[in-house]
Amino acid sequence: MKSKSKKKMNFALGILIFILGVAATLMLFLPGLVNGDTDSVYTGSQVVFGTQIYEGALGTTQIEPSVMGIIAYLLPAVAGLLALIIKDKTAAVLSGVMFIAAAVMLFLISTSTVTTVTFLGSTNTYDTTWTMSGGLISAAVISIFGGIVSLYKAAI
């Protein structure tokens, strides 16, 4: 009887971990960063895939794409899928580590986002003060929670 309830618990935790992973990844479409200089808000997808902020006759300002940001947003979905598909404890531990790594990378997005200004053909980086917004904070917190649940699944 205990074995059957343990299987049900592992299955339910696998579903929960998968849902947390997908939810953290979907935060990509919510506000991610706020430009402290202009109070402009950019979604997670604009921040990690890059976007043009301003285009004028003499130059442009843009957010550069970030490989670390892309990995940070996609890693929770991969971790959730791993925990759902593979049923052993090693996969649950690996999933937990992936969730925690994603959370750390998500918290670092505000410090690693690069803004460039191209003026008359000369490109320079622009020091921008970025503040994390609700979508980015939610993705990081959900990733932490996903890591805790994954490690709990490995422990039982």
C-alpha atoms as a PDB file:
ATOM      1  CA  MET A   1       0.000   0.000   0.000  1.00  0.00           C
ATOM      2  CA  LYS A   2       2.820   2.401   0.830  1.00  0.00           C
ATOM      3  CA  SER A   3       4.460   1.762  -2.507  1.00  0.00           C
ATOM      4  CA  LYS A   4       1.299   2.773  -4.352  1.00  0.00           C
ATOM      5  CA  SER A   5       0.932   6.016  -2.381  1.00  0.00           C
ATOM      6  CA  LYS A   6       4.625   6.779  -2.914  1.00  0.00           C
ATOM      7  CA  LYS A   7       4.170   6.364  -6.676  1.00  0.00           C
ATOM      8  CA  LYS A   8       1.157   8.673  -6.608  1.00  0.00           C
ATOM      9  CA  MET A   9       3.126  11.234  -4.599  1.00  0.00           C
ATOM     10  CA  ASN A  10       6.080  11.060  -7.009  1.00  0.00           C
ATOM     11  CA  PHE A  11       3.740  11.457  -9.970  1.00  0.00           C
ATOM     12  CA  ALA A  12       1.967  14.438  -8.371  1.00  0.00           C
ATOM     13  CA  LEU A  13       5.295  16.069  -7.523  1.00  0.00           C
ATOM     14  CA  GLY A  14       6.495  15.475 -11.100  1.00  0.00           C
ATOM     15  CA  ILE A  15       3.395  17.229 -12.443  1.00  0.00           C
ATOM     16  CA  LEU A  16       3.862  20.110  -9.977  1.00  0.00           C
ATOM     17  CA  ILE A  17       7.534  20.495 -10.926  1.00  0.00           C
ATOM     18  CA  PHE A  18       6.644  20.513 -14.618  1.00  0.00           C
ATOM     19  CA  ILE A  19       3.965  23.171 -14.063  1.00  0.00           C
ATOM     20  CA  LEU A  20       6.433  25.294 -12.082  1.00  0.00           C
ATOM     21  CA  GLY A  21       9.010  24.997 -14.847  1.00  0.00           C
ATOM     22  CA  VAL A  22       6.560  26.030 -17.551  1.00  0.00           C
ATOM     23  CA  ALA A  23       5.230  28.882 -15.382  1.00  0.00           C
ATOM     24  CA  ALA A  24       8.747  30.233 -14.792  1.00  0.00           C
ATOM     25  CA  THR A  25       9.467  30.093 -18.518  1.00  0.00           C
ATOM     26  CA  LEU A  26       6.183  31.832 -19.404  1.00  0.00           C
ATOM     27  CA  MET A  27       7.247  34.796 -17.251  1.00  0.00           C
ATOM     28  CA  LEU A  28       9.366  35.634 -20.309  1.00  0.00           C
ATOM     29  CA  PHE A  29       6.340  37.491 -21.686  1.00  0.00           C
ATOM     30  CA  LEU A  30       5.756  39.668 -18.597  1.00  0.00           C
ATOM     31  CA  PRO A  31       7.638  42.857 -17.642  1.00  0.00           C
ATOM     32  CA  GLY A  32      11.230  41.934 -16.858  1.00  0.00           C
ATOM     33  CA  LEU A  33      13.290  45.087 -16.459  1.00  0.00           C
ATOM     34  CA  VAL A  34      12.620  48.763 -15.897  1.00  0.00           C
ATOM     35  CA  ASN A  35      15.080  51.350 -17.201  1.00  0.00           C
ATOM     36  CA  GLY A  36      15.865  53.519 -14.180  1.00  0.00           C
ATOM     37  CA  ASP A  37      16.738  56.508 -16.365  1.00  0.00           C
ATOM     38  CA  THR A  38      13.515  56.655 -18.405  1.00  0.00           C
ATOM     39  CA  ASP A  39      11.080  54.428 -16.444  1.00  0.00           C
ATOM     40  CA  SER A  40      10.532  52.394 -19.625  1.00  0.00           C
ATOM     41  CA  VAL A  41       9.455  48.794 -19.044  1.00  0.00           C
ATOM     42  CA  TYR A  42      10.730  45.906 -21.187  1.00  0.00           C
ATOM     43  CA  THR A  43       9.423  42.342 -21.223  1.00  0.00           C
ATOM     44  CA  GLY A  44      11.677  39.421 -20.530  1.00  0.00           C
ATOM     45  CA  SER A  45      11.655  38.470 -24.218  1.00  0.00           C
ATOM     46  CA  GLN A  46      12.759  41.970 -25.237  1.00  0.00           C
ATOM     47  CA  VAL A  47      15.551  41.873 -22.675  1.00  0.00           C
ATOM     48  CA  VAL A  48      16.967  38.447 -23.554  1.00  0.00           C
ATOM     49  CA  PHE A  49      16.398  38.442 -27.318  1.00  0.00           C
ATOM     50  CA  GLY A  50      17.297  42.114 -27.747  1.00  0.00           C
ATOM     51  CA  THR A  51      15.226  45.047 -28.911  1.00  0.00           C
ATOM     52  CA  GLN A  52      15.699  48.450 -30.390  1.00  0.00           C
ATOM     53  CA  ILE A  53      14.889  51.193 -27.894  1.00  0.00           C
ATOM     54  CA  TYR A  54      15.367  54.237 -30.088  1.00  0.00           C
ATOM     55  CA  GLU A  55      16.041  54.854 -33.755  1.00  0.00           C
ATOM     56  CA  GLY A  56      16.891  58.281 -35.033  1.00  0.00           C
ATOM     57  CA  ALA A  57      18.456  59.837 -38.086  1.00  0.00           C
ATOM     58  CA  LEU A  58      21.939  59.814 -36.570  1.00  0.00           C
ATOM     59  CA  GLY A  59      21.888  56.691 -34.443  1.00  0.00           C
ATOM     60  CA  THR A  60      20.140  53.949 -32.511  1.00  0.00           C
ATOM     61  CA  THR A  61      19.932  52.634 -28.972  1.00  0.00           C
ATOM     62  CA  GLN A  62      19.279  48.949 -28.360  1.00  0.00           C
ATOM     63  CA  ILE A  63      19.338  46.169 -25.806  1.00  0.00           C
ATOM     64  CA  GLU A  64      21.730  43.451 -26.936  1.00  0.00           C
ATOM     65  CA  PRO A  65      20.637  39.779 -26.952  1.00  0.00           C
ATOM     66  CA  SER A  66      21.777  37.731 -23.962  1.00  0.00           C
ATOM     67  CA  VAL A  67      22.605  34.029 -24.204  1.00  0.00           C
ATOM     68  CA  MET A  68      22.659  33.759 -20.411  1.00  0.00           C
ATOM     69  CA  GLY A  69      19.184  35.313 -20.265  1.00  0.00           C
ATOM     70  CA  ILE A  70      17.802  32.888 -22.835  1.00  0.00           C
ATOM     71  CA  ILE A  71      19.234  29.953 -20.896  1.00  0.00           C
ATOM     72  CA  ALA A  72      17.926  31.372 -17.610  1.00  0.00           C
ATOM     73  CA  TYR A  73      14.354  31.523 -18.901  1.00  0.00           C
ATOM     74  CA  LEU A  74      14.400  28.168 -20.736  1.00  0.00           C
ATOM     75  CA  LEU A  75      16.204  26.128 -18.067  1.00  0.00           C
ATOM     76  CA  PRO A  76      13.172  25.840 -15.728  1.00  0.00           C
ATOM     77  CA  ALA A  77      11.037  24.298 -18.494  1.00  0.00           C
ATOM     78  CA  VAL A  78      13.798  21.786 -19.273  1.00  0.00           C
ATOM     79  CA  ALA A  79      14.177  21.015 -15.555  1.00  0.00           C
ATOM     80  CA  GLY A  80      10.428  20.496 -15.202  1.00  0.00           C
ATOM     81  CA  LEU A  81      10.310  18.217 -18.218  1.00  0.00           C
ATOM     82  CA  LEU A  82      13.266  16.225 -16.885  1.00  0.00           C
ATOM     83  CA  ALA A  83      11.551  15.717 -13.524  1.00  0.00           C
ATOM     84  CA  LEU A  84       8.326  14.643 -15.221  1.00  0.00           C
ATOM     85  CA  ILE A  85       9.816  12.193 -17.722  1.00  0.00           C
ATOM     86  CA  ILE A  86      12.631  10.558 -15.738  1.00  0.00           C
ATOM     87  CA  LYS A  87      11.454   9.021 -12.487  1.00  0.00           C
ATOM     88  CA  ASP A  88      14.687   8.362 -10.563  1.00  0.00           C
ATOM     89  CA  LYS A  89      16.221  10.385  -7.732  1.00  0.00           C
ATOM     90  CA  THR A  90      19.235  11.475  -9.758  1.00  0.00           C
ATOM     91  CA  ALA A  91      16.982  13.205 -12.278  1.00  0.00           C
ATOM     92  CA  ALA A  92      15.121  14.950  -9.445  1.00  0.00           C
ATOM     93  CA  VAL A  93      18.396  16.210  -7.960  1.00  0.00           C
ATOM     94  CA  LEU A  94      19.598  17.358 -11.392  1.00  0.00           C
ATOM     95  CA  SER A  95      16.259  19.085 -11.933  1.00  0.00           C
ATOM     96  CA  GLY A  96      16.605  20.855  -8.579  1.00  0.00           C
ATOM     97  CA  VAL A  97      20.107  22.038  -9.437  1.00  0.00           C
ATOM     98  CA  MET A  98      18.894  23.289 -12.822  1.00  0.00           C
ATOM     99  CA  PHE A  99      16.059  25.245 -11.165  1.00  0.00           C
ATOM    100  CA  ILE A 100      18.440  26.861  -8.658  1.00  0.00           C
ATOM    101  CA  ALA A 101      20.947  27.705 -11.418  1.00  0.00           C
ATOM    102  CA  ALA A 102      18.139  29.301 -13.429  1.00  0.00           C
ATOM    103  CA  ALA A 103      17.088  31.372 -10.411  1.00  0.00           C
ATOM    104  CA  VAL A 104      20.631  32.653  -9.920  1.00  0.00           C
ATOM    105  CA  MET A 105      20.927  33.548 -13.617  1.00  0.00           C
ATOM    106  CA  LEU A 106      17.524  35.253 -13.541  1.00  0.00           C
ATOM    107  CA  PHE A 107      18.616  37.420 -10.623  1.00  0.00           C
ATOM    108  CA  LEU A 108      21.780  38.353 -12.575  1.00  0.00           C
ATOM    109  CA  ILE A 109      19.920  39.516 -15.708  1.00  0.00           C
ATOM    110  CA  SER A 110      19.570  43.076 -14.405  1.00  0.00           C
ATOM    111  CA  THR A 111      23.336  43.392 -13.970  1.00  0.00           C
ATOM    112  CA  SER A 112      24.341  41.656 -17.192  1.00  0.00           C
ATOM    113  CA  THR A 113      21.985  43.358 -19.664  1.00  0.00           C
ATOM    114  CA  VAL A 114      23.986  45.407 -22.161  1.00  0.00           C
ATOM    115  CA  THR A 115      22.629  48.520 -23.842  1.00  0.00           C
ATOM    116  CA  THR A 116      24.499  49.924 -26.839  1.00  0.00           C
ATOM    117  CA  VAL A 117      24.309  53.276 -28.549  1.00  0.00           C
ATOM    118  CA  THR A 118      25.314  53.606 -32.194  1.00  0.00           C
ATOM    119  CA  PHE A 119      25.952  57.210 -33.179  1.00  0.00           C
ATOM    120  CA  LEU A 120      27.286  58.094 -36.627  1.00  0.00           C
ATOM    121  CA  GLY A 121      28.535  54.533 -37.111  1.00  0.00           C
ATOM    122  CA  SER A 122      30.362  54.327 -33.778  1.00  0.00           C
ATOM    123  CA  THR A 123      28.955  51.810 -31.274  1.00  0.00           C
ATOM    124  CA  ASN A 124      29.487  52.215 -27.530  1.00  0.00           C
ATOM    125  CA  THR A 125      27.962  50.567 -24.493  1.00  0.00           C
ATOM    126  CA  TYR A 126      25.629  52.721 -22.475  1.00  0.00           C
ATOM    127  CA  ASP A 127      25.577  52.364 -18.701  1.00  0.00           C
ATOM    128  CA  THR A 128      21.917  51.907 -17.810  1.00  0.00           C
ATOM    129  CA  THR A 129      20.422  51.428 -14.358  1.00  0.00           C
ATOM    130  CA  TRP A 130      18.122  48.412 -14.623  1.00  0.00           C
ATOM    131  CA  THR A 131      15.573  47.447 -11.991  1.00  0.00           C
ATOM    132  CA  MET A 132      13.942  44.025 -11.889  1.00  0.00           C
ATOM    133  CA  SER A 133      10.210  44.014 -12.538  1.00  0.00           C
ATOM    134  CA  GLY A 134       7.427  41.624 -11.551  1.00  0.00           C
ATOM    135  CA  GLY A 135       7.831  39.027 -14.299  1.00  0.00           C
ATOM    136  CA  LEU A 136      11.554  38.549 -13.726  1.00  0.00           C
ATOM    137  CA  ILE A 137      11.176  38.392  -9.952  1.00  0.00           C
ATOM    138  CA  SER A 138       8.293  35.908 -10.308  1.00  0.00           C
ATOM    139  CA  ALA A 139      10.337  33.689 -12.636  1.00  0.00           C
ATOM    140  CA  ALA A 140      13.218  33.606 -10.139  1.00  0.00           C
ATOM    141  CA  VAL A 141      10.967  32.868  -7.152  1.00  0.00           C
ATOM    142  CA  ILE A 142       9.093  30.146  -9.042  1.00  0.00           C
ATOM    143  CA  SER A 143      12.456  28.638 -10.022  1.00  0.00           C
ATOM    144  CA  ILE A 144      13.572  28.587  -6.393  1.00  0.00           C
ATOM    145  CA  PHE A 145      10.311  26.914  -5.398  1.00  0.00           C
ATOM    146  CA  GLY A 146      10.733  24.412  -8.255  1.00  0.00           C
ATOM    147  CA  GLY A 147      14.228  23.607  -7.000  1.00  0.00           C
ATOM    148  CA  ILE A 148      12.966  23.009  -3.477  1.00  0.00           C
ATOM    149  CA  VAL A 149      10.144  20.738  -4.675  1.00  0.00           C
ATOM    150  CA  SER A 150      12.562  18.825  -6.936  1.00  0.00           C
ATOM    151  CA  LEU A 151      14.991  18.247  -4.087  1.00  0.00           C
ATOM    152  CA  TYR A 152      12.082  17.179  -1.865  1.00  0.00           C
ATOM    153  CA  LYS A 153      11.038  14.682  -4.542  1.00  0.00           C
ATOM    154  CA  ALA A 154      14.582  13.296  -4.543  1.00  0.00           C
ATOM    155  CA  ALA A 155      14.532  12.976  -0.763  1.00  0.00           C
ATOM    156  CA  ILE A 156      11.341  10.893  -0.510  1.00  0.00           C
END
